[in-house]
Amino acid sequence: MRPTIAHFPQARSRRLRRTPALRSLVRENALSVSDLIWPVFIREGDDVSEPVDSMPGVNRISVDHAVRAAERAAHLGIGVMALFPYTDPAHKTHDCVEAWNHDNLVNRATRAIKAEVPEMAIMLDVALDPYNSEGHDGLVVNGIVQNDETLIALERQALVQAENGADILGPSDMMDGRIGFIRHALEANEFQSTAIMSYSAKYASAFYGPFRDAVGSVGALSGDKKTYQMDNANSDEALREVARDISEGADMVMIKPGMPYLDICQRVKAEFGVPTYAYQVSGEYAMLSAAHENGWLDRNQSVMESLLAFKRAGCDGILTYFAPLAAELILAQR
């Protein structure tokens, strides 16, 4: 049993808030550089860096710039980069074959980064939306996203990514059974060491808009993704999804979006005790950035406060476009 809490004046909470040293001594959570995963958008070309209009400060970059970004990340102590492709519309097809092209953008970027910055862990998205002429995460037949047919395509995509050196696969498609399908394929093809961070609780959210702008899928999407992404009113369902993914072979689980779903982060970590991550998505980044640019919020303080909220909710790490900034701020405090 907890002891009876003393009352004022015997108890004065402000005693432990009086100085920075005392506040640091009793601080319950801390953010470190090793908690950060940096999502980066890749595009074709050489020496290209073009801004994403809806994400101030974020650029789509060519593979050569991605290598330089990896060098910067490694210098800051960021150990993982997540790569997302801006696919030429000419390579977007109904059957999504570009997804398992050995020389597609993310596979070339993975090889290039590994050649120059071998210590950088690379995470790749396993989903068909960057390559799908309909903009969906799965194969579409007569306007309906097909589950089981998509699993075969995801298996091919995952194996090619593993062959090209991806350290972490991030299935984000929300098809039923995809973790078991991918894990079985990895084991059968001697990729036992390839980790899976499943987008286990990925909600159908309005906060993905700037991301779709960044990867060029805004105009391609027909309809919405509510038949496979989660209803944002549900939390018990998230626990069932996480439990299933763990049982099928996920090494880590993710909640997406992040800040609007901190309750899900807390419930997942408390229930399962597995490595748990959140994605501070493009809409969250855009909102904070807009407030920063208008002088409504202090940039550094609000970024660090938002990231610490994930740690307080139980997350082991965060995918965030603020990763380089956060790393610089953390290192400056040492």
Protein backbone atom coordinates (compact mmCIF):
# COMPACT_ATOMS: atom_id res chain seq x y z
CA MET A 1 0.00 0.00 0.00
CA ARG A 2 1.10 3.52 -0.67
CA PRO A 3 1.82 5.65 2.41
CA THR A 4 -0.62 8.35 3.34
CA ILE A 5 0.28 11.55 1.49
CA ALA A 6 1.33 14.32 3.81
CA HIS A 7 -0.52 17.64 3.77
CA PHE A 8 0.71 21.21 3.64
CA PRO A 9 2.94 22.49 5.19
CA GLN A 10 4.66 19.15 5.91
CA ALA A 11 4.44 18.48 2.16
CA ARG A 12 5.51 21.20 -0.22
CA SER A 13 5.76 19.98 -3.83
CA ARG A 14 7.61 23.12 -4.79
CA ARG A 15 10.66 22.03 -2.76
CA LEU A 16 11.61 19.67 -5.60
CA ARG A 17 10.91 22.25 -8.31
CA ARG A 18 13.10 24.98 -6.84
CA THR A 19 16.25 24.55 -8.98
CA PRO A 20 17.19 22.87 -12.26
CA ALA A 21 19.28 20.32 -10.34
CA LEU A 22 16.36 19.31 -8.13
CA ARG A 23 13.94 19.14 -11.04
CA SER A 24 16.38 16.94 -12.94
CA LEU A 25 16.89 14.70 -9.91
CA VAL A 26 13.22 13.73 -9.68
CA ARG A 27 12.34 13.81 -13.39
CA GLU A 28 10.34 10.70 -14.27
CA ASN A 29 10.90 10.61 -18.05
CA ALA A 30 13.64 11.73 -20.38
CA LEU A 31 14.06 11.99 -24.14
CA SER A 32 17.30 10.80 -25.71
CA VAL A 33 18.64 10.97 -29.26
CA SER A 34 18.41 7.18 -29.47
CA ASP A 35 14.61 7.49 -29.12
CA LEU A 36 14.33 9.27 -32.48
CA ILE A 37 13.58 7.83 -35.92
CA TRP A 38 13.83 10.30 -38.80
CA PRO A 39 11.35 9.92 -41.69
CA VAL A 40 12.82 11.20 -44.99
CA PHE A 41 11.19 11.64 -48.41
CA ILE A 42 13.19 10.45 -51.44
CA ARG A 43 12.71 11.54 -55.05
CA GLU A 44 14.42 10.93 -58.40
CA GLY A 45 17.23 13.09 -59.74
CA ASP A 46 20.71 14.25 -58.78
CA ASP A 47 21.47 17.08 -56.38
CA VAL A 48 17.74 17.72 -55.86
CA SER A 49 16.16 19.12 -52.73
CA GLU A 50 12.65 20.52 -53.15
CA PRO A 51 10.37 21.78 -50.38
CA VAL A 52 7.14 20.09 -49.37
CA ASP A 53 4.78 23.07 -49.28
CA SER A 54 2.56 21.70 -46.52
CA MET A 55 5.53 20.73 -44.31
CA PRO A 56 7.76 23.80 -43.80
CA GLY A 57 11.39 22.79 -43.45
CA VAL A 58 10.89 19.32 -44.95
CA ASN A 59 12.22 18.54 -48.43
CA ARG A 60 11.98 15.73 -50.94
CA ILE A 61 15.60 14.83 -51.64
CA SER A 62 17.48 12.81 -54.25
CA VAL A 63 19.50 9.77 -53.27
CA ASP A 64 22.80 11.66 -53.10
CA HIS A 65 21.27 14.12 -50.65
CA ALA A 66 19.83 11.20 -48.67
CA VAL A 67 23.36 9.92 -48.14
CA ARG A 68 24.39 13.35 -46.82
CA ALA A 69 21.29 13.35 -44.59
CA ALA A 70 22.34 9.97 -43.21
CA GLU A 71 25.80 11.32 -42.44
CA ARG A 72 24.22 14.24 -40.60
CA ALA A 73 21.90 11.91 -38.69
CA ALA A 74 24.76 9.63 -37.67
CA HIS A 75 26.79 12.63 -36.50
CA LEU A 76 23.87 13.68 -34.28
CA GLY A 77 23.47 10.14 -32.92
CA ILE A 78 20.22 9.32 -34.71
CA GLY A 79 20.41 5.61 -35.44
CA VAL A 80 17.40 4.97 -37.71
CA MET A 81 16.05 6.63 -40.83
CA ALA A 82 12.69 5.74 -42.38
CA LEU A 83 12.62 6.26 -46.16
CA PHE A 84 9.48 7.10 -48.16
CA PRO A 85 9.41 7.50 -51.97
CA TYR A 86 7.94 10.23 -54.11
CA THR A 87 7.12 7.97 -57.04
CA ASP A 88 6.91 9.21 -60.63
CA PRO A 89 3.23 8.90 -61.70
CA ALA A 90 4.45 6.92 -64.72
CA HIS A 91 5.54 4.17 -62.31
CA LYS A 92 2.19 4.00 -60.53
CA THR A 93 0.15 1.11 -61.87
CA HIS A 94 -2.88 -1.00 -61.04
CA ASP A 95 -0.68 -4.01 -60.19
CA CYS A 96 1.91 -1.96 -58.23
CA VAL A 97 4.91 -3.81 -59.72
CA GLU A 98 7.26 -0.92 -58.88
CA ALA A 99 6.87 -1.91 -55.21
CA TRP A 100 9.13 -4.93 -55.72
CA ASN A 101 11.44 -3.42 -58.31
CA HIS A 102 15.00 -4.09 -57.12
CA ASP A 103 16.03 -0.65 -58.38
CA ASN A 104 13.13 1.45 -57.14
CA LEU A 105 13.86 4.64 -55.25
CA VAL A 106 13.92 3.37 -51.67
CA ASN A 107 15.98 0.30 -52.56
CA ARG A 108 18.58 2.41 -54.35
CA ALA A 109 18.62 4.87 -51.45
CA THR A 110 19.05 2.03 -48.97
CA ARG A 111 22.03 0.62 -50.86
CA ALA A 112 23.61 4.06 -51.23
CA ILE A 113 23.24 4.93 -47.56
CA LYS A 114 24.52 1.53 -46.44
CA ALA A 115 27.58 1.94 -48.67
CA GLU A 116 28.54 5.28 -47.10
CA VAL A 117 27.00 5.13 -43.60
CA PRO A 118 26.84 1.40 -42.79
CA GLU A 119 25.94 1.98 -39.15
CA MET A 120 22.67 3.72 -40.08
CA ALA A 121 19.66 1.41 -39.68
CA ILE A 122 17.15 1.79 -42.50
CA MET A 123 13.40 1.30 -42.06
CA LEU A 124 11.24 0.86 -45.14
CA ASP A 125 7.48 1.09 -45.49
CA VAL A 126 5.70 -2.08 -46.63
CA ALA A 127 2.54 -0.90 -48.41
CA LEU A 128 1.45 -0.36 -51.98
CA ASP A 129 0.12 3.20 -51.88
CA PRO A 130 3.28 4.90 -53.29
CA TYR A 131 3.06 2.62 -56.35
CA ASN A 132 -0.71 2.25 -56.74
CA SER A 133 -2.52 4.19 -59.47
CA GLU A 134 -5.59 4.15 -57.19
CA GLY A 135 -3.61 5.49 -54.22
CA HIS A 136 -4.59 2.65 -51.88
CA ASP A 137 -2.39 0.51 -49.63
CA GLY A 138 -3.65 -2.67 -51.29
CA LEU A 139 -4.61 -4.00 -54.69
CA VAL A 140 -7.97 -2.70 -55.91
CA VAL A 141 -10.50 -4.76 -57.85
CA ASN A 142 -13.83 -3.21 -58.85
CA GLY A 143 -13.29 -0.41 -56.33
CA ILE A 144 -12.65 -2.79 -53.41
CA VAL A 145 -9.26 -3.16 -51.71
CA GLN A 146 -8.41 -6.86 -51.79
CA ASN A 147 -6.93 -8.32 -48.62
CA ASP A 148 -5.54 -11.75 -49.49
CA GLU A 149 -4.31 -10.81 -52.96
CA THR A 150 -2.49 -7.86 -51.41
CA LEU A 151 -0.65 -10.17 -49.00
CA ILE A 152 1.14 -11.82 -51.92
CA ALA A 153 2.25 -8.41 -53.23
CA LEU A 154 3.41 -7.31 -49.78
CA GLU A 155 5.47 -10.49 -49.44
CA ARG A 156 7.28 -9.70 -52.69
CA GLN A 157 7.87 -6.10 -51.64
CA ALA A 158 9.17 -7.09 -48.19
CA LEU A 159 11.60 -9.69 -49.58
CA VAL A 160 13.08 -7.23 -52.09
CA GLN A 161 13.52 -4.63 -49.34
CA ALA A 162 15.27 -7.19 -47.12
CA GLU A 163 17.52 -8.22 -50.02
CA ASN A 164 18.55 -4.58 -50.46
CA GLY A 165 19.62 -4.20 -46.85
CA ALA A 166 16.62 -2.82 -44.97
CA ASP A 167 17.07 -3.43 -41.24
CA ILE A 168 13.45 -2.80 -40.27
CA LEU A 169 10.31 -3.42 -42.29
CA GLY A 170 7.30 -1.29 -41.42
CA PRO A 171 4.08 -2.87 -42.73
CA SER A 172 1.66 0.06 -42.78
CA ASP A 173 -1.05 -1.37 -45.01
CA MET A 174 -3.42 -2.68 -42.28
CA MET A 175 -4.35 -5.80 -44.25
CA ASP A 176 -5.41 -8.71 -42.05
CA GLY A 177 -2.67 -11.33 -41.63
CA ARG A 178 0.13 -9.37 -43.21
CA ILE A 179 2.61 -9.70 -40.34
CA GLY A 180 2.39 -13.49 -40.32
CA PHE A 181 2.68 -13.58 -44.11
CA ILE A 182 5.77 -11.35 -44.15
CA ARG A 183 7.44 -13.05 -41.18
CA HIS A 184 6.99 -16.49 -42.73
CA ALA A 185 8.51 -15.25 -46.01
CA LEU A 186 11.50 -13.69 -44.23
CA GLU A 187 12.18 -16.88 -42.28
CA ALA A 188 11.82 -19.06 -45.37
CA ASN A 189 14.30 -16.92 -47.31
CA GLU A 190 17.00 -16.65 -44.62
CA PHE A 191 16.19 -13.11 -43.51
CA GLN A 192 15.74 -14.16 -39.90
CA SER A 193 17.49 -11.02 -38.65
CA THR A 194 15.23 -8.55 -40.45
CA ALA A 195 13.05 -6.82 -37.84
CA ILE A 196 9.40 -5.89 -38.23
CA MET A 197 7.94 -2.74 -36.70
CA SER A 198 4.25 -3.16 -37.43
CA TYR A 199 1.93 -0.21 -37.86
CA SER A 200 -0.38 -2.19 -35.60
CA ALA A 201 -2.84 0.55 -34.68
CA LYS A 202 -2.99 2.79 -37.73
CA TYR A 203 -6.07 4.96 -37.67
CA ALA A 204 -7.99 6.43 -40.60
CA SER A 205 -6.95 9.98 -39.86
CA ALA A 206 -7.23 13.50 -41.23
CA PHE A 207 -3.68 14.11 -40.01
CA TYR A 208 -2.06 12.32 -43.00
CA GLY A 209 -2.78 15.04 -45.56
CA PRO A 210 0.68 16.64 -45.77
CA PHE A 211 2.32 13.19 -46.05
CA ARG A 212 0.17 12.41 -49.08
CA ASP A 213 1.30 15.72 -50.53
CA ALA A 214 4.93 14.77 -49.84
CA VAL A 215 4.72 11.38 -51.58
CA GLY A 216 2.46 12.60 -54.39
CA SER A 217 -0.57 10.45 -53.64
CA VAL A 218 -3.13 13.22 -53.03
CA GLY A 219 -4.63 13.18 -56.50
CA ALA A 220 -4.35 9.42 -56.96
CA LEU A 221 -6.46 8.29 -54.01
CA SER A 222 -9.97 7.19 -54.92
CA GLY A 223 -12.37 7.14 -51.97
CA ASP A 224 -10.92 6.75 -48.49
CA LYS A 225 -9.09 4.13 -46.43
CA LYS A 226 -11.70 3.48 -43.77
CA THR A 227 -12.34 -0.13 -44.83
CA TYR A 228 -8.85 -1.13 -43.64
CA GLN A 229 -7.46 1.60 -41.38
CA MET A 230 -8.91 1.80 -37.87
CA ASP A 231 -11.96 3.78 -36.76
CA ASN A 232 -10.67 6.62 -34.59
CA ALA A 233 -13.44 6.00 -32.03
CA ASN A 234 -11.97 2.61 -31.04
CA SER A 235 -9.33 1.72 -28.49
CA ASP A 236 -10.07 -1.90 -27.46
CA GLU A 237 -9.74 -2.82 -31.13
CA ALA A 238 -6.20 -1.43 -31.11
CA LEU A 239 -5.25 -3.88 -28.38
CA ARG A 240 -6.61 -6.77 -30.44
CA GLU A 241 -4.64 -5.61 -33.48
CA VAL A 242 -1.44 -5.34 -31.44
CA ALA A 243 -1.95 -8.75 -29.85
CA ARG A 244 -2.46 -10.34 -33.26
CA ASP A 245 0.64 -8.70 -34.76
CA ILE A 246 2.81 -9.81 -31.85
CA SER A 247 1.55 -13.36 -32.18
CA GLU A 248 2.34 -13.30 -35.92
CA GLY A 249 5.95 -12.19 -35.43
CA ALA A 250 6.17 -8.41 -35.04
CA ASP A 251 9.23 -7.36 -33.05
CA MET A 252 7.95 -3.84 -32.39
CA VAL A 253 4.57 -2.14 -32.68
CA MET A 254 3.56 1.37 -33.66
CA ILE A 255 0.59 3.66 -33.07
CA LYS A 256 -0.22 6.18 -35.80
CA PRO A 257 -0.97 9.10 -35.56
CA GLY A 258 0.78 10.00 -32.35
CA MET A 259 -0.39 12.93 -30.25
CA PRO A 260 -4.16 12.41 -30.76
CA TYR A 261 -3.69 8.77 -29.70
CA LEU A 262 -1.50 8.98 -26.59
CA ASP A 263 -4.14 6.98 -24.72
CA ILE A 264 -3.58 4.11 -27.16
CA CYS A 265 0.18 4.32 -26.64
CA GLN A 266 -0.28 4.09 -22.89
CA ARG A 267 -2.72 1.17 -23.08
CA VAL A 268 -0.54 -0.81 -25.50
CA LYS A 269 2.62 -0.41 -23.43
CA ALA A 270 0.84 -1.24 -20.18
CA GLU A 271 -0.91 -4.29 -21.64
CA PHE A 272 1.91 -5.90 -23.63
CA GLY A 273 5.23 -4.44 -22.45
CA VAL A 274 6.70 -4.76 -25.95
CA PRO A 275 8.81 -2.14 -27.74
CA THR A 276 6.19 0.49 -28.55
CA TYR A 277 6.55 3.43 -30.93
CA ALA A 278 4.45 6.33 -32.14
CA TYR A 279 4.54 8.27 -35.39
CA GLN A 280 4.27 12.02 -34.95
CA VAL A 281 2.71 12.33 -38.37
CA SER A 282 2.82 15.01 -41.04
CA GLY A 283 -0.31 16.79 -39.85
CA GLU A 284 1.08 17.10 -36.35
CA TYR A 285 4.33 18.46 -37.77
CA ALA A 286 2.45 20.90 -40.02
CA MET A 287 0.31 22.25 -37.17
CA LEU A 288 3.28 22.89 -34.90
CA SER A 289 5.32 24.35 -37.76
CA ALA A 290 2.52 26.75 -38.71
CA ALA A 291 2.31 27.93 -35.12
CA HIS A 292 6.09 28.37 -35.02
CA GLU A 293 6.14 30.37 -38.24
CA ASN A 294 3.39 32.68 -36.97
CA GLY A 295 5.14 33.25 -33.66
CA TRP A 296 2.32 31.62 -31.70
CA LEU A 297 4.50 28.92 -30.10
CA ASP A 298 8.14 28.75 -29.12
CA ARG A 299 9.57 26.26 -31.61
CA ASN A 300 12.16 24.52 -29.48
CA GLN A 301 10.09 24.28 -26.32
CA SER A 302 6.92 23.08 -28.04
CA VAL A 303 8.78 20.44 -30.08
CA MET A 304 10.50 19.00 -27.04
CA GLU A 305 7.32 19.08 -24.97
CA SER A 306 5.41 17.25 -27.68
CA LEU A 307 8.07 14.54 -27.95
CA LEU A 308 8.35 14.07 -24.20
CA ALA A 309 4.59 13.39 -24.13
CA PHE A 310 5.24 10.18 -26.08
CA LYS A 311 7.79 9.03 -23.53
CA ARG A 312 5.41 9.83 -20.69
CA ALA A 313 2.75 7.73 -22.43
CA GLY A 314 5.13 4.75 -22.47
CA CYS A 315 6.64 4.91 -25.94
CA ASP A 316 10.15 3.59 -26.45
CA GLY A 317 10.70 5.86 -29.44
CA ILE A 318 9.12 8.28 -31.89
CA LEU A 319 9.14 8.70 -35.66
CA THR A 320 9.27 12.46 -36.11
CA TYR A 321 10.24 14.97 -38.79
CA PHE A 322 11.65 17.05 -35.94
CA ALA A 323 14.33 14.41 -35.27
CA PRO A 324 17.39 16.47 -36.32
CA LEU A 325 16.19 19.53 -34.41
CA ALA A 326 15.37 17.48 -31.33
CA ALA A 327 18.75 15.75 -31.47
CA GLU A 328 20.55 19.11 -31.64
CA LEU A 329 18.55 20.41 -28.66
CA ILE A 330 19.25 17.28 -26.61
CA LEU A 331 22.97 17.41 -27.37
CA ALA A 332 23.10 21.11 -26.49
CA GLN A 333 21.82 20.29 -22.99
CA ARG A 334 24.77 17.99 -22.22
